[in-house]
Amino acid sequence: MGDSFTFGEEARFEDTWNYYLQQRLGPNCQVINFAVPGYSIGQMYLRLERDILPHDPDLVILGFTDGALDRTLGIYCFLMGLEWPDCPWVAPRFALRDGELVVVNAPLPHPHEIYATKAIYDLPFIAYDRWYHTAEWEQRHWEHLYASYVFRFLTTLYPIYNVVDPEVFDTALHDVNSALFRAFLDLADKNSLRVLIVYLPMMEDYGYKVRYRAPVSHGVLKDAGIDFIDGTTCIAQLEESRRFLATGLHYTPEGERHLAECLLPHVLKQLSAVRPTHGKPTVTLRCPCE
């Protein structure tokens, strides 16, 4: 489960790392892909609770990029990226209240409610959206002043400052995602489910498109004391031209296959330790699974 890098966006099904992993594990192991492009860590947690636990799996691989942590503090998908300009959907937005995770925008607004809103500042819960920068949008009552060229000149020369709510500060980004990762592991533990947490690198992690910075997720997971597999080193073993597609967004088929090979030993180790639960037999595995 995860976002587009786990879903295998821009790739044929037969070229995804999920498919390669299935082939290496053999016919007695089934790999089911529950990933959704654009998902946040919060949505991944809800998907585990609602859609994955009923399948009673032995192991869940949570594969995600740094963008998934940013999206955790987002609500409106049309604000999150230029590739979704017409997206009418909203995402559940987790926040911490007295140390407890709550969804602040439940029930989620219906698309009809969103489209019926006349101005962006009137959208429900917009202040909780990390991607809403007030200075980039029309302000209340400014429509009466747009006829004045002097007003336009002054607001261009002296742009207003962005008003940032504490709910979307970097501190909130760190704390909410940290709590979600812990809640994810707690839920898995209560259901005798083993978990592999895997960080999947993007081009930015190698300094291709923007200046390099350490992924936010690394600090969040380390501060929370959570072990994870860093796929950055794995993908870096390939030559630069063989890592990502020409679009610069997702892995090449070779990158997908290489990632599967890197994950295989970790998967086998986890599966070999599975204990019988709910009447399931003990799993004994060799490489590949037999």
Protein backbone atom coordinates (compact mmCIF):
# COMPACT_ATOMS: atom_id res chain seq x y z
CA MET A 1 0.00 0.00 0.00
CA GLY A 2 1.12 3.57 -0.58
CA ASP A 3 1.02 6.32 -3.20
CA SER A 4 1.79 6.44 -6.94
CA PHE A 5 5.30 4.95 -6.56
CA THR A 6 3.76 1.85 -5.03
CA PHE A 7 0.73 1.85 -7.32
CA GLY A 8 3.08 1.79 -10.33
CA GLU A 9 1.76 4.87 -12.11
CA GLU A 10 3.14 5.38 -15.66
CA ALA A 11 4.12 1.70 -15.77
CA ARG A 12 2.57 -1.42 -17.21
CA PHE A 13 1.35 -3.81 -14.53
CA GLU A 14 4.06 -6.28 -15.61
CA ASP A 15 6.72 -3.59 -15.03
CA THR A 16 5.80 -2.66 -11.45
CA TRP A 17 7.88 -3.68 -8.45
CA ASN A 18 4.76 -5.33 -7.01
CA TYR A 19 4.57 -7.65 -10.02
CA TYR A 20 8.30 -8.43 -9.89
CA LEU A 21 7.98 -9.22 -6.18
CA GLN A 22 5.07 -11.56 -6.89
CA GLN A 23 7.13 -13.38 -9.54
CA ARG A 24 10.09 -13.82 -7.21
CA LEU A 25 7.94 -15.03 -4.31
CA GLY A 26 6.26 -17.73 -6.34
CA PRO A 27 2.70 -19.08 -6.77
CA ASN A 28 2.04 -19.76 -3.07
CA CYS A 29 2.36 -16.09 -2.21
CA GLN A 30 -0.13 -13.45 -3.32
CA VAL A 31 0.76 -9.75 -3.63
CA ILE A 32 -2.25 -7.41 -3.70
CA ASN A 33 -1.70 -3.75 -4.55
CA PHE A 34 -3.87 -1.36 -2.54
CA ALA A 35 -1.86 1.78 -3.36
CA VAL A 36 -3.57 4.92 -4.71
CA PRO A 37 -1.73 7.77 -6.50
CA GLY A 38 -1.79 10.98 -4.49
CA TYR A 39 -2.62 9.33 -1.18
CA SER A 40 -1.47 10.82 2.11
CA ILE A 41 -0.20 8.93 5.15
CA GLY A 42 -3.59 9.57 6.76
CA GLN A 43 -5.42 7.96 3.85
CA MET A 44 -3.06 5.00 3.96
CA TYR A 45 -3.90 4.49 7.63
CA LEU A 46 -7.63 4.57 6.89
CA ARG A 47 -7.16 2.16 3.97
CA LEU A 48 -5.40 -0.31 6.25
CA GLU A 49 -8.26 -0.11 8.72
CA ARG A 50 -11.12 -0.37 6.22
CA ASP A 51 -9.87 -2.31 3.19
CA ILE A 52 -6.78 -4.34 4.08
CA LEU A 53 -7.44 -5.87 7.50
CA PRO A 54 -10.49 -7.81 6.21
CA HIS A 55 -8.12 -9.71 3.88
CA ASP A 56 -6.20 -10.98 6.93
CA PRO A 57 -2.75 -10.59 5.30
CA ASP A 58 0.53 -11.87 6.69
CA LEU A 59 2.53 -8.79 5.73
CA VAL A 60 1.85 -5.22 4.65
CA ILE A 61 4.45 -3.15 2.80
CA LEU A 62 3.87 0.56 3.31
CA GLY A 63 5.77 2.24 0.46
CA PHE A 64 5.59 6.02 0.22
CA THR A 65 7.37 9.17 -0.94
CA ASP A 66 8.04 12.38 0.95
CA GLY A 67 5.07 13.96 -0.81
CA ALA A 68 2.70 11.68 1.10
CA LEU A 69 3.64 13.42 4.35
CA ASP A 70 2.92 16.86 2.86
CA ARG A 71 -0.44 15.63 1.60
CA THR A 72 -1.35 14.54 5.13
CA LEU A 73 -1.95 18.22 5.93
CA GLY A 74 -3.84 18.85 2.70
CA ILE A 75 -7.57 18.70 2.01
CA TYR A 76 -8.34 19.92 -1.51
CA CYS A 77 -6.56 17.96 -4.21
CA PHE A 78 -6.76 20.81 -6.76
CA LEU A 79 -4.39 22.76 -4.50
CA MET A 80 -1.85 19.96 -4.17
CA GLY A 81 -0.51 19.85 -7.71
CA LEU A 82 -0.91 21.16 -11.21
CA GLU A 83 -1.64 17.65 -12.47
CA TRP A 84 -5.03 17.72 -10.69
CA PRO A 85 -6.51 21.14 -11.60
CA ASP A 86 -10.06 19.84 -11.99
CA CYS A 87 -10.12 17.37 -9.12
CA PRO A 88 -13.33 17.85 -7.08
CA TRP A 89 -12.49 15.50 -4.23
CA VAL A 90 -11.34 16.24 -0.71
CA ALA A 91 -9.15 14.16 1.58
CA PRO A 92 -9.71 13.38 5.26
CA ARG A 93 -7.51 15.72 7.28
CA PHE A 94 -6.02 14.39 10.51
CA ALA A 95 -5.01 16.66 13.38
CA LEU A 96 -3.87 16.15 16.95
CA ARG A 97 -6.24 17.09 19.77
CA ASP A 98 -4.89 16.50 23.28
CA GLY A 99 -2.49 13.96 21.83
CA GLU A 100 -5.23 12.05 19.99
CA LEU A 101 -5.67 11.79 16.22
CA VAL A 102 -8.97 13.12 14.93
CA VAL A 103 -10.35 13.83 11.44
CA VAL A 104 -11.30 17.51 11.57
CA ASN A 105 -13.28 17.63 8.30
CA ALA A 106 -15.59 14.66 8.82
CA PRO A 107 -18.00 14.20 7.20
CA LEU A 108 -16.15 15.16 4.03
CA PRO A 109 -17.70 17.94 1.92
CA HIS A 110 -19.47 16.73 -1.21
CA PRO A 111 -18.17 17.94 -4.61
CA HIS A 112 -21.46 19.79 -5.14
CA GLU A 113 -20.80 21.77 -1.97
CA ILE A 114 -17.30 22.64 -3.17
CA TYR A 115 -18.42 23.83 -6.61
CA ALA A 116 -21.25 25.88 -5.11
CA THR A 117 -18.77 27.95 -3.09
CA LYS A 118 -18.17 31.38 -4.62
CA ALA A 119 -14.70 32.06 -3.21
CA ILE A 120 -11.87 29.84 -2.08
CA TYR A 121 -11.74 31.40 1.38
CA ASP A 122 -15.29 30.14 1.98
CA LEU A 123 -14.44 26.49 1.34
CA PRO A 124 -15.03 24.29 4.40
CA PHE A 125 -11.93 23.78 6.54
CA ILE A 126 -9.70 25.67 4.06
CA ALA A 127 -7.55 26.99 6.92
CA TYR A 128 -6.45 23.42 7.62
CA ASP A 129 -5.05 22.97 4.10
CA ARG A 130 -1.26 23.26 4.01
CA TRP A 131 -1.42 24.10 0.30
CA TYR A 132 -3.69 27.11 0.71
CA HIS A 133 -1.52 30.24 0.60
CA THR A 134 -3.76 33.23 1.21
CA ALA A 135 -1.46 35.69 -0.57
CA GLU A 136 -1.90 33.80 -3.86
CA TRP A 137 -5.68 34.21 -3.93
CA GLU A 138 -8.31 36.95 -3.98
CA GLN A 139 -9.02 38.53 -0.62
CA ARG A 140 -12.39 39.28 0.89
CA HIS A 141 -14.09 42.37 -0.59
CA TRP A 142 -11.21 43.13 -2.97
CA GLU A 143 -13.49 42.65 -5.98
CA HIS A 144 -14.81 46.17 -5.31
CA LEU A 145 -11.33 47.64 -5.74
CA TYR A 146 -10.11 45.85 -8.86
CA ALA A 147 -11.27 48.69 -11.14
CA SER A 148 -8.59 50.91 -9.61
CA TYR A 149 -5.23 50.71 -11.36
CA VAL A 150 -3.65 52.38 -8.33
CA PHE A 151 -4.92 49.55 -6.14
CA ARG A 152 -3.57 46.94 -8.55
CA PHE A 153 -0.22 48.72 -8.70
CA LEU A 154 0.13 48.96 -4.91
CA THR A 155 -0.86 45.34 -4.28
CA THR A 156 1.64 44.24 -6.92
CA LEU A 157 4.40 46.43 -5.51
CA TYR A 158 3.64 45.51 -1.91
CA PRO A 159 2.12 42.01 -1.95
CA ILE A 160 0.36 40.90 1.19
CA TYR A 161 1.96 38.36 3.45
CA ASN A 162 0.70 34.81 3.59
CA VAL A 163 -1.30 34.11 6.74
CA VAL A 164 -0.21 30.72 8.05
CA ASP A 165 -2.29 28.80 10.57
CA PRO A 166 -0.35 26.85 13.26
CA GLU A 167 -2.27 23.76 12.11
CA VAL A 168 -0.13 23.69 8.95
CA PHE A 169 3.26 24.60 10.43
CA ASP A 170 6.18 22.23 9.91
CA THR A 171 5.76 21.24 13.55
CA ALA A 172 2.25 20.02 12.79
CA LEU A 173 3.55 18.20 9.70
CA HIS A 174 6.04 16.34 11.88
CA ASP A 175 3.73 15.61 14.82
CA VAL A 176 0.65 14.48 12.87
CA ASN A 177 2.60 12.17 10.56
CA SER A 178 4.57 10.76 13.47
CA ALA A 179 1.32 9.97 15.29
CA LEU A 180 -0.13 8.37 12.15
CA PHE A 181 2.88 6.09 11.66
CA ARG A 182 2.63 4.98 15.29
CA ALA A 183 -1.13 4.45 14.95
CA PHE A 184 -0.51 2.41 11.79
CA LEU A 185 1.92 0.13 13.62
CA ASP A 186 -0.33 -0.14 16.68
CA LEU A 187 -3.29 -1.16 14.51
CA ALA A 188 -1.15 -3.73 12.70
CA ASP A 189 0.17 -5.12 15.99
CA LYS A 190 -3.35 -5.52 17.41
CA ASN A 191 -4.19 -7.61 14.36
CA SER A 192 -0.99 -9.71 14.42
CA LEU A 193 0.09 -8.12 11.14
CA ARG A 194 3.73 -7.67 10.22
CA VAL A 195 4.72 -4.40 8.53
CA LEU A 196 7.58 -3.20 6.35
CA ILE A 197 7.83 0.59 6.09
CA VAL A 198 9.68 1.58 2.92
CA TYR A 199 10.74 5.07 1.87
CA LEU A 200 10.64 5.40 -1.93
CA PRO A 201 12.89 8.16 -3.34
CA MET A 202 11.91 10.72 -5.97
CA MET A 203 14.21 12.54 -8.40
CA GLU A 204 14.41 15.45 -5.96
CA ASP A 205 16.15 13.18 -3.45
CA TYR A 206 19.14 13.04 -5.78
CA GLY A 207 19.20 16.78 -6.48
CA TYR A 208 17.87 16.52 -10.06
CA LYS A 209 15.16 19.18 -10.18
CA VAL A 210 15.58 21.19 -6.98
CA ARG A 211 18.25 21.59 -4.37
CA TYR A 212 18.83 18.46 -2.33
CA ARG A 213 17.40 18.24 1.17
CA ALA A 214 17.07 15.34 3.55
CA PRO A 215 13.58 13.82 3.23
CA VAL A 216 11.16 15.00 5.91
CA SER A 217 9.99 11.43 6.43
CA HIS A 218 13.43 10.31 7.58
CA GLY A 219 13.37 12.75 10.49
CA VAL A 220 9.76 11.91 11.35
CA LEU A 221 10.41 8.16 11.45
CA LYS A 222 13.71 8.44 13.31
CA ASP A 223 12.26 10.78 15.94
CA ALA A 224 9.37 8.36 16.43
CA GLY A 225 11.83 5.47 16.85
CA ILE A 226 10.37 3.59 13.87
CA ASP A 227 12.56 1.32 11.75
CA PHE A 228 12.24 1.67 7.99
CA ILE A 229 13.90 0.64 4.75
CA ASP A 230 15.41 3.51 2.77
CA GLY A 231 15.03 2.85 -0.95
CA THR A 232 17.29 5.79 -1.80
CA THR A 233 20.44 3.68 -1.64
CA CYS A 234 18.81 0.89 -3.64
CA ILE A 235 17.79 3.11 -6.59
CA ALA A 236 21.14 4.92 -6.44
CA GLN A 237 22.85 1.65 -7.43
CA LEU A 238 21.56 2.22 -10.97
CA GLU A 239 23.05 4.73 -13.36
CA GLU A 240 21.24 8.08 -13.31
CA SER A 241 19.73 7.62 -16.76
CA ARG A 242 18.25 4.25 -15.77
CA ARG A 243 16.48 5.30 -12.56
CA PHE A 244 13.52 7.43 -13.67
CA LEU A 245 11.29 7.73 -16.70
CA ALA A 246 11.72 10.62 -19.13
CA THR A 247 8.85 12.40 -17.36
CA GLY A 248 11.04 12.56 -14.26
CA LEU A 249 8.23 11.36 -12.03
CA HIS A 250 8.38 7.58 -11.60
CA TYR A 251 10.78 4.65 -11.92
CA THR A 252 11.81 2.96 -15.14
CA PRO A 253 10.97 -0.75 -15.51
CA GLU A 254 14.58 -1.44 -14.57
CA GLY A 255 14.23 0.74 -11.48
CA GLU A 256 11.03 -1.08 -10.50
CA ARG A 257 12.68 -4.47 -10.93
CA HIS A 258 15.76 -3.40 -8.99
CA LEU A 259 13.62 -2.13 -6.11
CA ALA A 260 11.80 -5.48 -5.95
CA GLU A 261 15.14 -7.30 -5.69
CA CYS A 262 16.22 -4.98 -2.88
CA LEU A 263 13.00 -5.61 -0.97
CA LEU A 264 12.89 -9.37 -1.49
CA PRO A 265 15.26 -10.35 1.39
CA HIS A 266 13.33 -8.12 3.81
CA VAL A 267 10.02 -9.62 2.69
CA LEU A 268 11.28 -13.18 3.04
CA LYS A 269 12.62 -12.44 6.51
CA GLN A 270 9.29 -11.05 7.65
CA LEU A 271 7.23 -13.86 6.13
CA SER A 272 9.45 -16.56 7.61
CA ALA A 273 8.66 -15.19 11.07
CA VAL A 274 4.87 -15.25 10.62
CA ARG A 275 3.09 -17.18 13.37
CA PRO A 276 -0.28 -18.94 12.99
CA THR A 277 -3.21 -16.55 13.51
CA HIS A 278 -6.92 -17.08 12.95
CA GLY A 279 -6.33 -20.68 11.95
CA LYS A 280 -3.70 -19.89 9.32
CA PRO A 281 -0.78 -22.34 9.03
CA THR A 282 2.75 -21.31 9.86
CA VAL A 283 4.50 -19.91 6.80
CA THR A 284 7.84 -21.50 5.95
CA LEU A 285 9.59 -19.86 3.04
CA ARG A 286 12.72 -20.17 1.02
CA CYS A 287 13.90 -17.94 -1.85
CA PRO A 288 11.87 -17.95 -3.99
CA CYS A 289 8.73 -19.07 -2.15
CA GLU A 290 7.70 -22.65 -2.86
